[in-house]
Amino acid sequence: MRTLIISKRVEGKLIDFVNKHPSTKKKFHRVTSLLRQNIFDPILRTHKLSGKLKSFYACSIDYDYRLV
């Protein structure tokens, strides 16, 4: 199982985001759990980014939100 490392700055932004969008809290926890188990699980729709973010991957939380 992998460990997700979240900086204090990002952690604060995530808390603010979840407080503004409470319906995504359960989805966010499900996604992070899947990321720990298998980063390329088909449910996550993990994909490599391009341009300035070409060294990063993104996955979907739901149709409107994604995690980079």
PDB file of N, CA and C in Angstrom:
ATOM      1  N   MET A   1       0.839  -1.177   0.000  1.00  0.00           N
ATOM      2  CA  MET A   1       0.000   0.000   0.000  1.00  0.00           C
ATOM      3  C   MET A   1       0.891   1.250   0.000  1.00  0.00           C
ATOM      4  N   ARG A   2       0.529   2.228  -0.800  1.00  0.00           N
ATOM      5  CA  ARG A   2       1.284   3.475  -0.902  1.00  0.00           C
ATOM      6  C   ARG A   2       0.883   4.457   0.197  1.00  0.00           C
ATOM      7  N   THR A   3       1.771   5.421   0.411  1.00  0.00           N
ATOM      8  CA  THR A   3       1.489   6.509   1.336  1.00  0.00           C
ATOM      9  C   THR A   3       1.324   7.784   0.536  1.00  0.00           C
ATOM     10  N   LEU A   4       0.257   8.500   0.767  1.00  0.00           N
ATOM     11  CA  LEU A   4       0.053   9.789   0.111  1.00  0.00           C
ATOM     12  C   LEU A   4       0.622  10.879   1.010  1.00  0.00           C
ATOM     13  N   ILE A   5       1.475  11.717   0.429  1.00  0.00           N
ATOM     14  CA  ILE A   5       2.066  12.813   1.173  1.00  0.00           C
ATOM     15  C   ILE A   5       1.386  14.099   0.721  1.00  0.00           C
ATOM     16  N   ILE A   6       0.781  14.800   1.664  1.00  0.00           N
ATOM     17  CA  ILE A   6       0.065  16.037   1.363  1.00  0.00           C
ATOM     18  C   ILE A   6       0.704  17.155   2.182  1.00  0.00           C
ATOM     19  N   SER A   7       1.147  18.194   1.491  1.00  0.00           N
ATOM     20  CA  SER A   7       1.775  19.311   2.192  1.00  0.00           C
ATOM     21  C   SER A   7       0.734  20.057   3.036  1.00  0.00           C
ATOM     22  N   LYS A   8       1.208  20.802   4.025  1.00  0.00           N
ATOM     23  CA  LYS A   8       0.304  21.567   4.897  1.00  0.00           C
ATOM     24  C   LYS A   8      -0.524  22.568   4.094  1.00  0.00           C
ATOM     25  N   ARG A   9       0.099  23.189   3.093  1.00  0.00           N
ATOM     26  CA  ARG A   9      -0.613  24.163   2.254  1.00  0.00           C
ATOM     27  C   ARG A   9      -1.766  23.506   1.494  1.00  0.00           C
ATOM     28  N   VAL A  10      -1.456  22.365   0.887  1.00  0.00           N
ATOM     29  CA  VAL A  10      -2.481  21.646   0.127  1.00  0.00           C
ATOM     30  C   VAL A  10      -3.551  21.091   1.064  1.00  0.00           C
ATOM     31  N   GLU A  11      -3.138  20.634   2.223  1.00  0.00           N
ATOM     32  CA  GLU A  11      -4.101  20.114   3.196  1.00  0.00           C
ATOM     33  C   GLU A  11      -5.125  21.186   3.580  1.00  0.00           C
ATOM     34  N   GLY A  12      -4.666  22.411   3.785  1.00  0.00           N
ATOM     35  CA  GLY A  12      -5.578  23.510   4.098  1.00  0.00           C
ATOM     36  C   GLY A  12      -6.539  23.792   2.966  1.00  0.00           C
ATOM     37  N   LYS A  13      -6.030  23.753   1.732  1.00  0.00           N
ATOM     38  CA  LYS A  13      -6.887  23.986   0.572  1.00  0.00           C
ATOM     39  C   LYS A  13      -7.910  22.860   0.418  1.00  0.00           C
ATOM     40  N   LEU A  14      -7.502  21.626   0.706  1.00  0.00           N
ATOM     41  CA  LEU A  14      -8.440  20.505   0.630  1.00  0.00           C
ATOM     42  C   LEU A  14      -9.556  20.643   1.665  1.00  0.00           C
ATOM     43  N   ILE A  15      -9.199  21.069   2.858  1.00  0.00           N
ATOM     44  CA  ILE A  15     -10.208  21.267   3.903  1.00  0.00           C
ATOM     45  C   ILE A  15     -11.202  22.344   3.474  1.00  0.00           C
ATOM     46  N   ASP A  16     -10.688  23.449   2.933  1.00  0.00           N
ATOM     47  CA  ASP A  16     -11.573  24.509   2.442  1.00  0.00           C
ATOM     48  C   ASP A  16     -12.483  24.001   1.327  1.00  0.00           C
ATOM     49  N   PHE A  17     -11.910  23.227   0.409  1.00  0.00           N
ATOM     50  CA  PHE A  17     -12.678  22.693  -0.721  1.00  0.00           C
ATOM     51  C   PHE A  17     -13.802  21.792  -0.234  1.00  0.00           C
ATOM     52  N   VAL A  18     -13.471  20.872   0.671  1.00  0.00           N
ATOM     53  CA  VAL A  18     -14.471  19.927   1.173  1.00  0.00           C
ATOM     54  C   VAL A  18     -15.557  20.662   1.963  1.00  0.00           C
ATOM     55  N   ASN A  19     -15.168  21.714   2.683  1.00  0.00           N
ATOM     56  CA  ASN A  19     -16.175  22.489   3.412  1.00  0.00           C
ATOM     57  C   ASN A  19     -17.136  23.205   2.463  1.00  0.00           C
ATOM     58  N   LYS A  20     -16.630  23.659   1.313  1.00  0.00           N
ATOM     59  CA  LYS A  20     -17.482  24.334   0.336  1.00  0.00           C
ATOM     60  C   LYS A  20     -18.304  23.347  -0.493  1.00  0.00           C
ATOM     61  N   HIS A  21     -17.790  22.122  -0.652  1.00  0.00           N
ATOM     62  CA  HIS A  21     -18.453  21.094  -1.455  1.00  0.00           C
ATOM     63  C   HIS A  21     -18.575  19.806  -0.633  1.00  0.00           C
ATOM     64  N   PRO A  22     -19.447  19.779   0.360  1.00  0.00           N
ATOM     65  CA  PRO A  22     -19.536  18.617   1.257  1.00  0.00           C
ATOM     66  C   PRO A  22     -19.910  17.312   0.555  1.00  0.00           C
ATOM     67  N   SER A  23     -20.544  17.408  -0.586  1.00  0.00           N
ATOM     68  CA  SER A  23     -20.933  16.175  -1.299  1.00  0.00           C
ATOM     69  C   SER A  23     -19.727  15.438  -1.858  1.00  0.00           C
ATOM     70  N   THR A  24     -18.572  16.088  -1.955  1.00  0.00           N
ATOM     71  CA  THR A  24     -17.382  15.438  -2.509  1.00  0.00           C
ATOM     72  C   THR A  24     -16.540  14.747  -1.446  1.00  0.00           C
ATOM     73  N   LYS A  25     -16.852  14.924  -0.180  1.00  0.00           N
ATOM     74  CA  LYS A  25     -16.021  14.371   0.899  1.00  0.00           C
ATOM     75  C   LYS A  25     -15.908  12.852   0.797  1.00  0.00           C
ATOM     76  N   LYS A  26     -17.043  12.188   0.660  1.00  0.00           N
ATOM     77  CA  LYS A  26     -17.036  10.723   0.568  1.00  0.00           C
ATOM     78  C   LYS A  26     -16.297  10.261  -0.698  1.00  0.00           C
ATOM     79  N   LYS A  27     -16.512  10.961  -1.805  1.00  0.00           N
ATOM     80  CA  LYS A  27     -15.846  10.619  -3.063  1.00  0.00           C
ATOM     81  C   LYS A  27     -14.337  10.815  -2.943  1.00  0.00           C
ATOM     82  N   PHE A  28     -13.920  11.905  -2.296  1.00  0.00           N
ATOM     83  CA  PHE A  28     -12.498  12.181  -2.124  1.00  0.00           C
ATOM     84  C   PHE A  28     -11.823  11.078  -1.309  1.00  0.00           C
ATOM     85  N   HIS A  29     -12.470  10.643  -0.242  1.00  0.00           N
ATOM     86  CA  HIS A  29     -11.902   9.568   0.577  1.00  0.00           C
ATOM     87  C   HIS A  29     -11.828   8.258  -0.205  1.00  0.00           C
ATOM     88  N   ARG A  30     -12.823   7.995  -1.016  1.00  0.00           N
ATOM     89  CA  ARG A  30     -12.808   6.775  -1.843  1.00  0.00           C
ATOM     90  C   ARG A  30     -11.656   6.817  -2.832  1.00  0.00           C
ATOM     91  N   VAL A  31     -11.447   7.982  -3.473  1.00  0.00           N
ATOM     92  CA  VAL A  31     -10.368   8.136  -4.457  1.00  0.00           C
ATOM     93  C   VAL A  31      -9.011   7.982  -3.792  1.00  0.00           C
ATOM     94  N   THR A  32      -8.795   8.613  -2.661  1.00  0.00           N
ATOM     95  CA  THR A  32      -7.499   8.504  -1.994  1.00  0.00           C
ATOM     96  C   THR A  32      -7.239   7.071  -1.526  1.00  0.00           C
ATOM     97  N   SER A  33      -8.289   6.372  -1.121  1.00  0.00           N
ATOM     98  CA  SER A  33      -8.133   4.971  -0.742  1.00  0.00           C
ATOM     99  C   SER A  33      -7.715   4.130  -1.948  1.00  0.00           C
ATOM    100  N   LEU A  34      -8.356   4.364  -3.086  1.00  0.00           N
ATOM    101  CA  LEU A  34      -7.985   3.638  -4.306  1.00  0.00           C
ATOM    102  C   LEU A  34      -6.571   3.984  -4.754  1.00  0.00           C
ATOM    103  N   LEU A  35      -6.174   5.237  -4.614  1.00  0.00           N
ATOM    104  CA  LEU A  35      -4.814   5.647  -4.982  1.00  0.00           C
ATOM    105  C   LEU A  35      -3.777   4.901  -4.152  1.00  0.00           C
ATOM    106  N   ARG A  36      -4.055   4.696  -2.885  1.00  0.00           N
ATOM    107  CA  ARG A  36      -3.120   3.966  -2.023  1.00  0.00           C
ATOM    108  C   ARG A  36      -2.980   2.512  -2.458  1.00  0.00           C
ATOM    109  N   GLN A  37      -4.052   1.927  -2.979  1.00  0.00           N
ATOM    110  CA  GLN A  37      -4.044   0.525  -3.368  1.00  0.00           C
ATOM    111  C   GLN A  37      -3.472   0.314  -4.773  1.00  0.00           C
ATOM    112  N   ASN A  38      -3.981   1.075  -5.741  1.00  0.00           N
ATOM    113  CA  ASN A  38      -3.564   0.901  -7.134  1.00  0.00           C
ATOM    114  C   ASN A  38      -3.746   2.233  -7.862  1.00  0.00           C
ATOM    115  N   ILE A  39      -2.649   2.887  -8.148  1.00  0.00           N
ATOM    116  CA  ILE A  39      -2.686   4.231  -8.735  1.00  0.00           C
ATOM    117  C   ILE A  39      -3.344   4.240 -10.129  1.00  0.00           C
ATOM    118  N   PHE A  40      -3.328   3.097 -10.806  1.00  0.00           N
ATOM    119  CA  PHE A  40      -3.894   3.035 -12.156  1.00  0.00           C
ATOM    120  C   PHE A  40      -5.206   2.242 -12.210  1.00  0.00           C
ATOM    121  N   ASP A  41      -5.928   2.210 -11.132  1.00  0.00           N
ATOM    122  CA  ASP A  41      -7.240   1.562 -11.110  1.00  0.00           C
ATOM    123  C   ASP A  41      -8.135   2.238 -12.153  1.00  0.00           C
ATOM    124  N   PRO A  42      -8.825   1.473 -13.000  1.00  0.00           N
ATOM    125  CA  PRO A  42      -9.666   2.063 -14.053  1.00  0.00           C
ATOM    126  C   PRO A  42     -10.734   3.035 -13.540  1.00  0.00           C
ATOM    127  N   ILE A  43     -11.188   2.848 -12.322  1.00  0.00           N
ATOM    128  CA  ILE A  43     -12.202   3.743 -11.750  1.00  0.00           C
ATOM    129  C   ILE A  43     -11.666   5.167 -11.647  1.00  0.00           C
ATOM    130  N   LEU A  44     -10.361   5.300 -11.382  1.00  0.00           N
ATOM    131  CA  LEU A  44      -9.745   6.613 -11.198  1.00  0.00           C
ATOM    132  C   LEU A  44      -9.510   7.367 -12.508  1.00  0.00           C
ATOM    133  N   ARG A  45      -9.438   6.658 -13.604  1.00  0.00           N
ATOM    134  CA  ARG A  45      -9.129   7.256 -14.917  1.00  0.00           C
ATOM    135  C   ARG A  45      -7.842   8.092 -14.840  1.00  0.00           C
ATOM    136  N   THR A  46      -6.801   7.481 -14.254  1.00  0.00           N
ATOM    137  CA  THR A  46      -5.505   8.149 -14.110  1.00  0.00           C
ATOM    138  C   THR A  46      -4.889   8.373 -15.483  1.00  0.00           C
ATOM    139  N   HIS A  47      -4.360   9.579 -15.694  1.00  0.00           N
ATOM    140  CA  HIS A  47      -3.733   9.901 -16.973  1.00  0.00           C
ATOM    141  C   HIS A  47      -2.585  10.886 -16.762  1.00  0.00           C
ATOM    142  N   LYS A  48      -1.603  10.803 -17.638  1.00  0.00           N
ATOM    143  CA  LYS A  48      -0.452  11.686 -17.589  1.00  0.00           C
ATOM    144  C   LYS A  48      -0.848  13.032 -18.183  1.00  0.00           C
ATOM    145  N   LEU A  49      -0.374  14.103 -17.557  1.00  0.00           N
ATOM    146  CA  LEU A  49      -0.680  15.443 -18.042  1.00  0.00           C
ATOM    147  C   LEU A  49       0.364  15.896 -19.055  1.00  0.00           C
ATOM    148  N   SER A  50       0.098  16.991 -19.725  1.00  0.00           N
ATOM    149  CA  SER A  50       1.041  17.516 -20.718  1.00  0.00           C
ATOM    150  C   SER A  50       1.325  18.986 -20.419  1.00  0.00           C
ATOM    151  N   GLY A  51       2.205  19.562 -21.184  1.00  0.00           N
ATOM    152  CA  GLY A  51       2.549  20.970 -20.997  1.00  0.00           C
ATOM    153  C   GLY A  51       3.404  21.173 -19.760  1.00  0.00           C
ATOM    154  N   LYS A  52       3.137  22.230 -19.023  1.00  0.00           N
ATOM    155  CA  LYS A  52       3.928  22.547 -17.829  1.00  0.00           C
ATOM    156  C   LYS A  52       3.808  21.476 -16.739  1.00  0.00           C
ATOM    157  N   LEU A  53       2.746  20.721 -16.782  1.00  0.00           N
ATOM    158  CA  LEU A  53       2.514  19.681 -15.770  1.00  0.00           C
ATOM    159  C   LEU A  53       2.861  18.282 -16.275  1.00  0.00           C
ATOM    160  N   LYS A  54       3.744  18.182 -17.277  1.00  0.00           N
ATOM    161  CA  LYS A  54       4.009  16.904 -17.930  1.00  0.00           C
ATOM    162  C   LYS A  54       4.623  15.845 -17.012  1.00  0.00           C
ATOM    163  N   SER A  55       5.168  16.226 -15.878  1.00  0.00           N
ATOM    164  CA  SER A  55       5.731  15.238 -14.957  1.00  0.00           C
ATOM    165  C   SER A  55       4.706  14.761 -13.922  1.00  0.00           C
ATOM    166  N   PHE A  56       3.440  15.176 -14.068  1.00  0.00           N
ATOM    167  CA  PHE A  56       2.393  14.822 -13.117  1.00  0.00           C
ATOM    168  C   PHE A  56       1.321  13.950 -13.756  1.00  0.00           C
ATOM    169  N   TYR A  57       0.566  13.301 -12.875  1.00  0.00           N
ATOM    170  CA  TYR A  57      -0.600  12.530 -13.272  1.00  0.00           C
ATOM    171  C   TYR A  57      -1.829  13.150 -12.626  1.00  0.00           C
ATOM    172  N   ALA A  58      -2.975  12.889 -13.198  1.00  0.00           N
ATOM    173  CA  ALA A  58      -4.242  13.349 -12.629  1.00  0.00           C
ATOM    174  C   ALA A  58      -5.212  12.176 -12.610  1.00  0.00           C
ATOM    175  N   CYS A  59      -6.147  12.230 -11.666  1.00  0.00           N
ATOM    176  CA  CYS A  59      -7.206  11.227 -11.623  1.00  0.00           C
ATOM    177  C   CYS A  59      -8.512  11.936 -11.290  1.00  0.00           C
ATOM    178  N   SER A  60      -9.597  11.310 -11.622  1.00  0.00           N
ATOM    179  CA  SER A  60     -10.912  11.911 -11.443  1.00  0.00           C
ATOM    180  C   SER A  60     -11.476  11.627 -10.059  1.00  0.00           C
ATOM    181  N   ILE A  61     -12.025  12.658  -9.435  1.00  0.00           N
ATOM    182  CA  ILE A  61     -12.797  12.483  -8.203  1.00  0.00           C
ATOM    183  C   ILE A  61     -14.251  12.234  -8.595  1.00  0.00           C
ATOM    184  N   ASP A  62     -14.758  13.050  -9.492  1.00  0.00           N
ATOM    185  CA  ASP A  62     -16.042  12.840 -10.151  1.00  0.00           C
ATOM    186  C   ASP A  62     -15.993  13.600 -11.473  1.00  0.00           C
ATOM    187  N   TYR A  63     -17.104  13.769 -12.105  1.00  0.00           N
ATOM    188  CA  TYR A  63     -17.110  14.385 -13.434  1.00  0.00           C
ATOM    189  C   TYR A  63     -16.558  15.809 -13.414  1.00  0.00           C
ATOM    190  N   ASP A  64     -16.807  16.555 -12.361  1.00  0.00           N
ATOM    191  CA  ASP A  64     -16.418  17.962 -12.305  1.00  0.00           C
ATOM    192  C   ASP A  64     -15.050  18.215 -11.680  1.00  0.00           C
ATOM    193  N   TYR A  65     -14.512  17.272 -10.909  1.00  0.00           N
ATOM    194  CA  TYR A  65     -13.292  17.520 -10.156  1.00  0.00           C
ATOM    195  C   TYR A  65     -12.255  16.438 -10.418  1.00  0.00           C
ATOM    196  N   ARG A  66     -10.978  16.871 -10.400  1.00  0.00           N
ATOM    197  CA  ARG A  66      -9.905  15.896 -10.521  1.00  0.00           C
ATOM    198  C   ARG A  66      -8.792  16.247  -9.552  1.00  0.00           C
ATOM    199  N   LEU A  67      -7.970  15.275  -9.280  1.00  0.00           N
ATOM    200  CA  LEU A  67      -6.877  15.405  -8.338  1.00  0.00           C
ATOM    201  C   LEU A  67      -5.578  15.291  -9.129  1.00  0.00           C
ATOM    202  N   VAL A  68      -4.690  16.261  -8.960  1.00  0.00           N
ATOM    203  CA  VAL A  68      -3.406  16.250  -9.672  1.00  0.00           C
ATOM    204  C   VAL A  68      -2.329  15.879  -8.688  1.00  0.00           C
TER     205      VAL A  68
END
